[in-house]
Amino acid sequence: MFKHLFKLIWNKKKQNFLLMSEMLVSFMVIFAVFTMLVFYYQNYRKLRGFEYENVWAVSYNNPSQSNRADSLTLFYDLVRQGLIALPEVKEISFSTNNIPFSINTMQVGAGYNNKQVTGVNYFVVQDSYKDVLNMTMLEGRWFGKQDVFFKTTPVVINESLKESLFGNTRAVGKLLDDGTKHVIGVVADTKFKGDYVTPGTAIFYRADSTSISQLGHILVRVIPGADAAFEARLYKTMAGIMKNANIEIEHLTNKRKDINNFALIPMIILLIVACFLVINVALGLFGVLWYNINKRRGEIGLRRAVGASGKAVWGQLVAESLILATLSLLIGSFFAIQFPLLNVFDLPASVYVIAQILAILFIYLLVLFCSLYPGKQAAAVYPAVALHED
């Protein structure tokens, strides 16, 4: 039976080649869509690692005309005292511009022995940063006043960087970058770039007199229910302390929505392209099967006349379509399997494997769905009528 089906397919190789090409292109696009969906879903399921609710981000520029470290330190202490005095404020922390859900990124490298990790997100923060965001410590401790007396630079790393550099061994006490930095703690991965983006590796530095000029944002944890009236008072307090500074207050809940929407734009574009391709393939497959029925009414009538059932005729047309789909999927799978082998886009291999399986199932279901009605029409052909017309 399969030999006969392959012979029928070969006799219409030009027409079937175009249909197979459409299936192949559709498979690759669907594979890309499912890859992004699986990747986003796996990231979405991961724990966020911090709490953004009731946290506001205050950005400012030109807060002080002085560039001296001691003057800036006194000035920021004055700002902190003014904000903490507000009853609605629970805690504040100065931070660099790469606050949670911001598009700003700062990266460095980190090494241990012969291992080197590039593209590590780094943050310059204060001791209260962990409490403002309620970050989770997995190992060791967060920064404290005792870190002033260390000769090497104390750092806190996240779980991903710890696994990259130390594997399953303990990280606290290890020296990084030829002994210039030492690890005092490990925090859980934090999804600072949104729910759908991998947290990546991260390293945190304690703000001191040499880095205090880099602090351009304030994270403010407020009590639940803080309203617009308090936001106006907060702005007025900030404006009273930071003369001639441009001040902007944002809620991390709103920033989270914005960055999540931004991350979904590529997915939306791919889905639109995929929908057009799927519709094109479905119409093409439906049209080819319909055309085959009209052109092969004599063949179908003869098969019915010699005893073939309607179910057998329907099965033949569906089988031809599934064979064409299988040939296309074999070629597409060859290209798809290269992605995990070559580590393209640095995604986990499981993402590509799951996406490939889902794409194959989707193409098979599409072909089967488009074959049902034409196959039913072929099965309904009466032998006498078909042979008379032929």
Protein backbone atom coordinates (compact mmCIF):
# COMPACT_ATOMS: atom_id res chain seq x y z
CA MET A 1 0.00 0.00 0.00
CA PHE A 2 2.76 2.48 0.93
CA LYS A 3 4.60 1.70 -2.30
CA HIS A 4 1.46 2.59 -4.22
CA LEU A 5 1.02 5.82 -2.26
CA PHE A 6 4.62 6.84 -2.86
CA LYS A 7 4.14 6.17 -6.56
CA LEU A 8 1.06 8.41 -6.63
CA ILE A 9 2.97 11.13 -4.78
CA TRP A 10 5.94 10.84 -7.17
CA ASN A 11 3.69 11.14 -10.22
CA LYS A 12 2.64 14.57 -8.93
CA LYS A 13 6.03 15.54 -7.59
CA LYS A 14 5.94 19.13 -8.85
CA GLN A 15 2.62 19.89 -7.20
CA ASN A 16 3.53 17.97 -4.05
CA PHE A 17 6.95 19.68 -3.84
CA LEU A 18 5.29 23.08 -3.52
CA LEU A 19 2.98 21.77 -0.82
CA MET A 20 5.88 20.17 1.04
CA SER A 21 7.82 23.44 0.86
CA GLU A 22 4.89 25.27 2.45
CA MET A 23 4.72 22.66 5.22
CA LEU A 24 8.48 22.91 5.79
CA VAL A 25 8.42 26.70 6.12
CA SER A 26 5.38 26.50 8.37
CA PHE A 27 7.07 23.92 10.57
CA MET A 28 10.15 26.11 11.04
CA VAL A 29 8.03 29.15 11.93
CA ILE A 30 5.83 27.10 14.27
CA PHE A 31 9.01 25.65 15.79
CA ALA A 32 10.27 29.19 16.46
CA VAL A 33 6.92 30.18 18.00
CA PHE A 34 6.82 27.15 20.29
CA THR A 35 10.47 27.71 21.24
CA MET A 36 9.64 31.21 22.48
CA LEU A 37 6.43 30.02 24.15
CA VAL A 38 8.19 27.21 26.00
CA PHE A 39 11.08 29.52 26.98
CA TYR A 40 8.70 32.20 28.25
CA TYR A 41 6.58 29.64 30.09
CA GLN A 42 9.59 28.09 31.83
CA ASN A 43 10.80 31.54 32.90
CA TYR A 44 7.31 32.51 34.04
CA ARG A 45 7.14 29.45 36.30
CA LYS A 46 10.38 30.34 38.07
CA LEU A 47 10.17 32.13 41.39
CA ARG A 48 10.52 35.90 41.12
CA GLY A 49 13.05 36.07 43.95
CA PHE A 50 11.86 39.43 45.30
CA GLU A 51 8.70 41.40 46.06
CA TYR A 52 7.82 44.39 43.91
CA GLU A 53 4.41 45.22 45.38
CA ASN A 54 4.31 48.47 47.37
CA VAL A 55 7.74 49.48 46.09
CA TRP A 56 8.18 52.81 44.31
CA ALA A 57 11.18 53.94 42.28
CA VAL A 58 12.29 57.55 42.57
CA SER A 59 14.67 58.80 39.89
CA TYR A 60 16.48 62.11 40.08
CA ASN A 61 19.38 64.01 38.58
CA ASN A 62 21.52 66.90 39.70
CA PRO A 63 20.77 66.31 43.41
CA SER A 64 23.90 68.04 44.65
CA GLN A 65 26.39 70.40 43.10
CA SER A 66 29.24 68.77 44.99
CA ASN A 67 31.27 65.90 43.55
CA ARG A 68 33.12 65.17 46.77
CA ALA A 69 32.39 61.74 48.23
CA ASP A 70 32.04 62.95 51.82
CA SER A 71 29.64 65.73 50.80
CA LEU A 72 27.53 63.32 48.75
CA THR A 73 27.44 60.86 51.65
CA LEU A 74 26.14 63.54 54.01
CA PHE A 75 23.64 64.72 51.44
CA TYR A 76 22.24 61.20 50.85
CA ASP A 77 22.02 60.65 54.60
CA LEU A 78 19.92 63.81 54.79
CA VAL A 79 17.64 62.51 52.02
CA ARG A 80 17.29 59.17 53.79
CA GLN A 81 16.36 60.78 57.11
CA GLY A 82 13.76 62.94 55.38
CA LEU A 83 12.08 59.98 53.67
CA ILE A 84 12.23 57.55 56.60
CA ALA A 85 10.50 60.22 58.73
CA LEU A 86 7.36 59.83 56.59
CA PRO A 87 4.96 57.40 58.32
CA GLU A 88 4.01 55.68 55.04
CA VAL A 89 7.64 54.75 54.27
CA LYS A 90 8.87 51.43 55.66
CA GLU A 91 12.38 51.37 54.16
CA ILE A 92 14.41 52.98 51.38
CA SER A 93 17.58 52.13 49.51
CA PHE A 94 19.69 54.06 47.02
CA SER A 95 20.58 52.11 43.89
CA THR A 96 22.17 52.41 40.50
CA ASN A 97 20.00 53.01 37.45
CA ASN A 98 19.42 49.31 36.71
CA ILE A 99 16.54 48.99 39.15
CA PRO A 100 13.99 46.15 38.81
CA PHE A 101 11.96 46.21 35.56
CA SER A 102 14.23 48.84 34.05
CA ILE A 103 15.74 48.60 30.57
CA ASN A 104 19.06 49.85 31.93
CA THR A 105 21.74 47.17 32.19
CA MET A 106 25.26 47.18 33.67
CA GLN A 107 27.49 44.15 33.12
CA VAL A 108 30.94 42.92 34.11
CA GLY A 109 32.84 39.66 34.08
CA ALA A 110 33.51 37.35 37.01
CA GLY A 111 36.08 34.60 37.33
CA TYR A 112 37.16 31.89 39.72
CA ASN A 113 40.24 29.76 39.08
CA ASN A 114 40.03 28.86 35.38
CA LYS A 115 36.34 29.63 35.02
CA GLN A 116 35.23 32.94 33.55
CA VAL A 117 31.66 34.19 33.19
CA THR A 118 30.93 37.20 31.00
CA GLY A 119 27.83 39.37 30.83
CA VAL A 120 27.23 39.32 34.60
CA ASN A 121 24.68 41.94 35.68
CA TYR A 122 26.15 44.02 38.46
CA PHE A 123 24.41 46.29 40.94
CA VAL A 124 25.75 48.87 43.35
CA VAL A 125 23.39 48.91 46.33
CA GLN A 126 23.07 49.87 49.97
CA ASP A 127 22.67 47.63 53.01
CA SER A 128 18.89 48.15 53.06
CA TYR A 129 18.44 47.02 49.42
CA LYS A 130 17.61 43.43 50.36
CA ASP A 131 14.96 44.49 52.87
CA VAL A 132 13.29 46.89 50.46
CA LEU A 133 12.83 44.13 47.88
CA ASN A 134 12.51 41.25 50.37
CA MET A 135 15.15 39.22 48.55
CA THR A 136 15.83 35.65 49.65
CA MET A 137 19.25 34.68 51.02
CA LEU A 138 20.30 31.14 50.14
CA GLU A 139 23.75 31.16 51.64
CA GLY A 140 25.78 33.48 53.84
CA ARG A 141 24.57 37.01 54.58
CA TRP A 142 23.82 40.37 53.02
CA PHE A 143 25.96 43.50 53.35
CA GLY A 144 26.45 45.15 56.72
CA LYS A 145 28.57 47.80 58.42
CA GLN A 146 31.26 45.22 59.18
CA ASP A 147 32.10 45.05 55.47
CA VAL A 148 33.86 48.41 55.69
CA PHE A 149 36.89 46.80 57.33
CA PHE A 150 37.60 44.12 54.71
CA LYS A 151 40.71 44.56 52.59
CA THR A 152 39.09 42.81 49.60
CA THR A 153 35.77 43.86 48.07
CA PRO A 154 32.78 42.01 49.57
CA VAL A 155 30.21 40.86 47.01
CA VAL A 156 26.94 38.98 46.99
CA ILE A 157 26.19 36.78 43.98
CA ASN A 158 23.00 35.20 42.76
CA GLU A 159 22.24 31.50 42.44
CA SER A 160 22.96 31.31 38.68
CA LEU A 161 26.43 32.83 39.03
CA LYS A 162 27.16 30.56 41.98
CA GLU A 163 26.28 27.47 39.89
CA SER A 164 28.35 28.73 36.95
CA LEU A 165 31.47 29.32 39.05
CA PHE A 166 31.24 26.85 41.93
CA GLY A 167 28.69 24.22 40.91
CA ASN A 168 27.25 22.48 43.96
CA THR A 169 30.04 23.55 46.32
CA ARG A 170 29.71 26.33 48.89
CA ALA A 171 30.43 29.81 47.53
CA VAL A 172 30.73 31.88 50.72
CA GLY A 173 34.35 32.69 51.51
CA LYS A 174 35.61 32.05 47.97
CA LEU A 175 37.75 34.71 46.28
CA LEU A 176 36.87 36.00 42.81
CA ASP A 177 38.95 37.70 40.15
CA ASP A 178 42.41 36.80 41.44
CA GLY A 179 41.52 37.47 45.06
CA THR A 180 40.24 41.03 44.67
CA LYS A 181 36.67 40.14 45.69
CA HIS A 182 35.30 37.71 48.23
CA VAL A 183 31.80 36.23 48.36
CA ILE A 184 29.86 36.86 51.56
CA GLY A 185 26.45 35.62 50.44
CA VAL A 186 24.27 34.06 47.75
CA VAL A 187 20.76 35.30 46.94
CA ALA A 188 18.01 33.61 44.94
CA ASP A 189 17.77 34.55 41.28
CA THR A 190 15.72 37.71 40.79
CA LYS A 191 13.68 38.32 37.64
CA PHE A 192 14.53 42.00 37.39
CA LYS A 193 13.89 42.04 33.62
CA GLY A 194 10.32 40.79 33.81
CA ASP A 195 8.44 37.56 34.22
CA TYR A 196 9.35 36.14 30.79
CA VAL A 197 13.10 36.81 30.73
CA THR A 198 15.70 34.59 32.33
CA PRO A 199 17.24 36.17 35.45
CA GLY A 200 20.80 35.59 34.24
CA THR A 201 23.87 35.90 36.43
CA ALA A 202 24.23 38.79 38.87
CA ILE A 203 26.69 40.24 41.34
CA PHE A 204 25.99 42.91 43.96
CA TYR A 205 28.50 45.45 45.29
CA ARG A 206 28.13 47.50 48.46
CA ALA A 207 27.97 51.24 47.83
CA ASP A 208 30.85 53.10 49.44
CA SER A 209 32.49 56.49 49.14
CA THR A 210 34.05 55.61 45.78
CA SER A 211 30.78 54.49 44.15
CA ILE A 212 28.18 56.69 45.82
CA SER A 213 28.11 59.03 42.81
CA GLN A 214 26.65 56.16 40.72
CA LEU A 215 23.46 56.04 42.80
CA GLY A 216 20.75 57.70 40.76
CA HIS A 217 17.58 55.97 42.00
CA ILE A 218 15.84 55.42 45.32
CA LEU A 219 13.71 52.36 45.95
CA VAL A 220 11.02 53.14 48.52
CA ARG A 221 8.93 50.44 50.22
CA VAL A 222 5.66 51.99 51.34
CA ILE A 223 2.85 50.63 53.45
CA PRO A 224 -0.02 48.89 51.64
CA GLY A 225 -2.67 51.35 50.54
CA ALA A 226 -0.35 54.32 50.00
CA ASP A 227 -2.30 56.56 47.63
CA ALA A 228 -1.80 59.49 45.27
CA ALA A 229 -2.02 61.95 48.14
CA PHE A 230 1.02 60.39 49.76
CA GLU A 231 2.80 60.28 46.40
CA ALA A 232 2.31 64.07 46.16
CA ARG A 233 3.72 64.51 49.68
CA LEU A 234 6.67 62.26 48.81
CA TYR A 235 7.40 64.33 45.74
CA LYS A 236 7.16 67.54 47.73
CA THR A 237 9.52 66.17 50.38
CA MET A 238 12.04 65.10 47.75
CA ALA A 239 11.81 68.44 45.95
CA GLY A 240 12.39 70.27 49.23
CA ILE A 241 15.59 68.34 49.92
CA MET A 242 16.93 68.01 46.37
CA LYS A 243 16.83 71.59 45.14
CA ASN A 244 16.68 72.04 41.34
CA ALA A 245 16.56 68.26 40.77
CA ASN A 246 14.31 66.58 38.21
CA ILE A 247 12.34 64.03 40.21
CA GLU A 248 10.13 61.25 38.86
CA ILE A 249 8.19 58.66 40.86
CA GLU A 250 7.20 55.32 39.32
CA HIS A 251 5.51 52.24 40.76
CA LEU A 252 7.25 48.93 40.18
CA THR A 253 3.86 47.34 39.47
CA ASN A 254 3.47 49.61 36.45
CA LYS A 255 7.07 49.10 35.34
CA ARG A 256 6.54 45.33 35.50
CA LYS A 257 3.55 45.57 33.15
CA ASP A 258 5.51 47.73 30.71
CA ILE A 259 8.56 45.48 30.54
CA ASN A 260 6.39 42.35 30.23
CA ASN A 261 4.52 43.92 27.31
CA PHE A 262 7.82 44.85 25.71
CA ALA A 263 9.05 41.25 26.02
CA LEU A 264 5.86 39.95 24.37
CA ILE A 265 6.24 42.06 21.21
CA PRO A 266 8.49 39.53 19.39
CA MET A 267 6.07 36.76 20.32
CA ILE A 268 3.09 38.69 18.95
CA ILE A 269 4.92 39.35 15.67
CA LEU A 270 5.85 35.68 15.33
CA LEU A 271 2.30 34.60 16.09
CA ILE A 272 0.93 36.89 13.37
CA VAL A 273 3.41 35.53 10.81
CA ALA A 274 2.67 31.96 11.92
CA CYS A 275 -1.08 32.48 11.60
CA PHE A 276 -0.73 33.72 8.03
CA LEU A 277 1.49 30.76 7.14
CA VAL A 278 -0.81 28.24 8.80
CA ILE A 279 -3.82 29.67 6.97
CA ASN A 280 -1.88 29.57 3.70
CA VAL A 281 -0.87 25.94 4.22
CA ALA A 282 -4.37 24.96 5.30
CA LEU A 283 -5.94 26.57 2.23
CA GLY A 284 -3.28 25.07 -0.03
CA LEU A 285 -3.70 21.60 1.40
CA PHE A 286 -7.47 21.84 1.30
CA GLY A 287 -7.39 23.08 -2.30
CA VAL A 288 -4.98 20.36 -3.46
CA LEU A 289 -7.10 17.61 -1.92
CA TRP A 290 -10.26 19.08 -3.38
CA TYR A 291 -8.58 19.30 -6.79
CA ASN A 292 -7.38 15.70 -6.50
CA ILE A 293 -10.90 14.50 -5.80
CA ASN A 294 -12.30 16.23 -8.88
CA LYS A 295 -9.43 15.04 -11.10
CA ARG A 296 -9.50 11.49 -9.75
CA ARG A 297 -13.23 10.87 -9.69
CA GLY A 298 -12.77 8.13 -12.29
CA GLU A 299 -10.05 6.45 -10.23
CA ILE A 300 -12.11 6.77 -7.07
CA GLY A 301 -15.22 5.42 -8.84
CA LEU A 302 -13.28 2.47 -10.18
CA ARG A 303 -11.94 1.65 -6.74
CA ARG A 304 -15.44 1.83 -5.32
CA ALA A 305 -16.75 -0.39 -8.15
CA VAL A 306 -14.23 -3.16 -7.44
CA GLY A 307 -15.23 -3.22 -3.80
CA ALA A 308 -13.25 -0.51 -1.99
CA SER A 309 -15.20 1.02 0.88
CA GLY A 310 -15.66 4.73 1.41
CA LYS A 311 -13.50 4.45 4.50
CA ALA A 312 -10.65 2.96 2.43
CA VAL A 313 -10.86 5.80 -0.10
CA TRP A 314 -10.88 8.37 2.69
CA GLY A 315 -7.92 6.63 4.33
CA GLN A 316 -5.91 6.74 1.10
CA LEU A 317 -6.28 10.51 0.68
CA VAL A 318 -5.49 11.17 4.34
CA ALA A 319 -2.49 8.83 4.19
CA GLU A 320 -1.12 10.68 1.15
CA SER A 321 -1.36 13.96 3.04
CA LEU A 322 0.30 12.52 6.15
CA ILE A 323 3.15 11.08 4.07
CA LEU A 324 3.77 14.49 2.51
CA ALA A 325 3.74 16.00 6.00
CA THR A 326 6.15 13.35 7.28
CA LEU A 327 8.63 14.02 4.48
CA SER A 328 8.50 17.75 5.23
CA LEU A 329 8.87 17.17 8.98
CA LEU A 330 11.88 14.91 8.50
CA ILE A 331 13.68 17.70 6.65
CA GLY A 332 12.50 20.32 9.16
CA SER A 333 13.49 18.19 12.15
CA PHE A 334 17.02 17.86 10.74
CA PHE A 335 17.40 21.64 10.88
CA ALA A 336 15.55 22.00 14.19
CA ILE A 337 17.78 19.50 15.97
CA GLN A 338 20.83 21.61 15.10
CA PHE A 339 19.69 24.34 17.50
CA PRO A 340 20.30 22.40 20.74
CA LEU A 341 23.39 20.70 19.29
CA LEU A 342 24.99 24.04 18.38
CA ASN A 343 23.59 25.80 21.47
CA VAL A 344 22.00 28.51 19.34
CA PHE A 345 20.77 31.55 21.32
CA ASP A 346 22.14 29.91 24.50
CA LEU A 347 18.80 28.34 25.43
CA PRO A 348 18.39 25.07 27.37
CA ALA A 349 18.22 22.00 25.12
CA SER A 350 14.90 21.00 26.72
CA VAL A 351 13.29 24.14 25.28
CA TYR A 352 14.16 23.10 21.71
CA VAL A 353 13.16 19.47 22.23
CA ILE A 354 9.74 20.34 23.64
CA ALA A 355 9.18 22.98 20.95
CA GLN A 356 10.08 20.50 18.19
CA ILE A 357 7.67 17.87 19.52
CA LEU A 358 4.86 20.43 19.80
CA ALA A 359 5.54 21.74 16.28
CA ILE A 360 5.44 18.21 14.82
CA LEU A 361 2.15 17.46 16.56
CA PHE A 362 0.70 20.77 15.39
CA ILE A 363 1.58 20.12 11.72
CA TYR A 364 0.15 16.60 11.87
CA LEU A 365 -3.08 17.86 13.44
CA LEU A 366 -3.32 20.62 10.83
CA VAL A 367 -2.87 18.15 7.95
CA LEU A 368 -5.35 15.72 9.47
CA PHE A 369 -7.91 18.47 10.01
CA CYS A 370 -7.57 19.76 6.45
CA SER A 371 -7.91 16.21 5.07
CA LEU A 372 -11.11 15.28 6.87
CA TYR A 373 -13.70 17.05 4.73
CA PRO A 374 -12.13 16.37 1.29
CA GLY A 375 -11.66 12.75 2.31
CA LYS A 376 -15.30 12.56 3.34
CA GLN A 377 -16.32 13.98 -0.04
CA ALA A 378 -14.19 11.37 -1.81
CA ALA A 379 -15.75 8.59 0.22
CA ALA A 380 -19.21 9.79 -0.82
CA VAL A 381 -18.50 9.40 -4.57
CA TYR A 382 -20.90 6.88 -6.17
CA PRO A 383 -19.18 4.41 -8.52
CA ALA A 384 -21.79 4.55 -11.28
CA VAL A 385 -21.91 8.35 -11.35
CA ALA A 386 -18.10 8.71 -11.33
CA LEU A 387 -17.60 6.13 -14.12
CA HIS A 388 -20.40 7.67 -16.18
CA GLU A 389 -18.82 11.11 -15.90
CA ASP A 390 -15.41 9.71 -16.81
